[in-house]
């Protein structure tokens, strides 16, 4: 009796363990299915994100895209295989748990539960395969939808470009219409002006006609008034004629005022036209004068450039032919031209070249010129002592074989000494500068030589 009770208790315990194993199996299957779906969904999301980052909607497909697609498919397969392996491990653990729970049960029940677990594992593998196929199908649908969106985007961009071109054409058409409207308005204004002039001439003729009619009416009224005593029967007719005359006078007055206003408008239009013509004539005269002055200035400048070039060439040739023979007129004219100008570096350089300044004297002259540019020394050259001019003329006379005052003193030394003295005297003063010599004056001086 005790053995039967023990066997009964063992059977109840085995059944309870089997129930607990069956309750745990659906939860494990649900967890495995959810895990597999999450893995596939994450892999699909990563796939589309990588494709969207890798190329835009307008980028063409290439071999690199095909390789990337194969890599993503391999990753999906690996994820599914890993999920299946995890499910197998869970199933093995479940079987182990069933075995542990069924140690006290008989071997048939344990074998039945193992077969049930294997069947559940097969069903789970089939569900995983189905989930895999569904995920791949969803991925293909998403890819097709993305391609459709890319094509639609291309169409929208082309439509946008067409709209922009159409807007440009509309803007051009509006500009043409505006120009045509302006031209039409101008023609309408001219037409109204001509009609107004014609109406004025017609109004003048009508006024003259009405005046003649009024005079005739007045004469007739006078005749009627004279015959008033003799023609009492025609009194009513005379009154009617007077009323008509009054109406005609009112018409004449209104036409006269209208003609006066028309004349005033015509006179104002004529005045504006006359003023516009006068301004146009003045502008044309100024333009012609400016053109003539420009042509004359261009011609004078060309002549002066040729004269300066000729003079410089002549001077250079004279210096090459004879460095010791100088004409006193050349030296005197150049020196006077330099003294009359505020800054005449070309004349000074030519004078130094003709007088044969040494390198030391040229250096001193350049230093003095730089100081004079800052302090305004050369602006007072016009006030140079007469002795310096006489010294320059004496050097010219000495070179040419003539006699003169201070002919033993070289003009270069006198010139440098004078500039040094002026620099020393002008350190504390700041006076107005002499007028700057123009290039035309220098060219004229050289041409006179």
Foldseek 3Di string as FASTA:
>chain_A
DVVVVVVVVLVVQLVVLVVVLVVVVVVLLVVLLVQLLVLLVVLLVVLVVCVCVVDPLPDDDDVVVVVSVVVSVVVNVVSLVVSLVVSVVVLVVSLVSSCVSNVSPDPVVSVVVNVVSVVVSVVSNVVSVVSSVVSVVVSVVVVVVSNVVSVVVVVVVVVVVVVVVVVVVVVVVVVVVVVVVVVVVVVVVVVVVVVLVVVLVVLVVVLVVLVVVLVVLVVVLVVCVVCCVVCVVCVVVSVVSVVVSVVSVVVSVVSVVVSVVSVVVVVVVVVVVVVVVVVVVVVVVVVVVVVVVVVVVVVLVVVLVVLLVVLVVVLVVVCVVPLLQDALVLQLLLLVVQLQALDDVVSVVSNCVSLVDDPVLVVLVVVLVVLCVVQVLSLNSVVDDVVLSQCSSLCNCVSNVHHGPNVVDRSSVVVSVSSVVSSVVRPPDHDDGRHHDDPSVVSVSSSVD
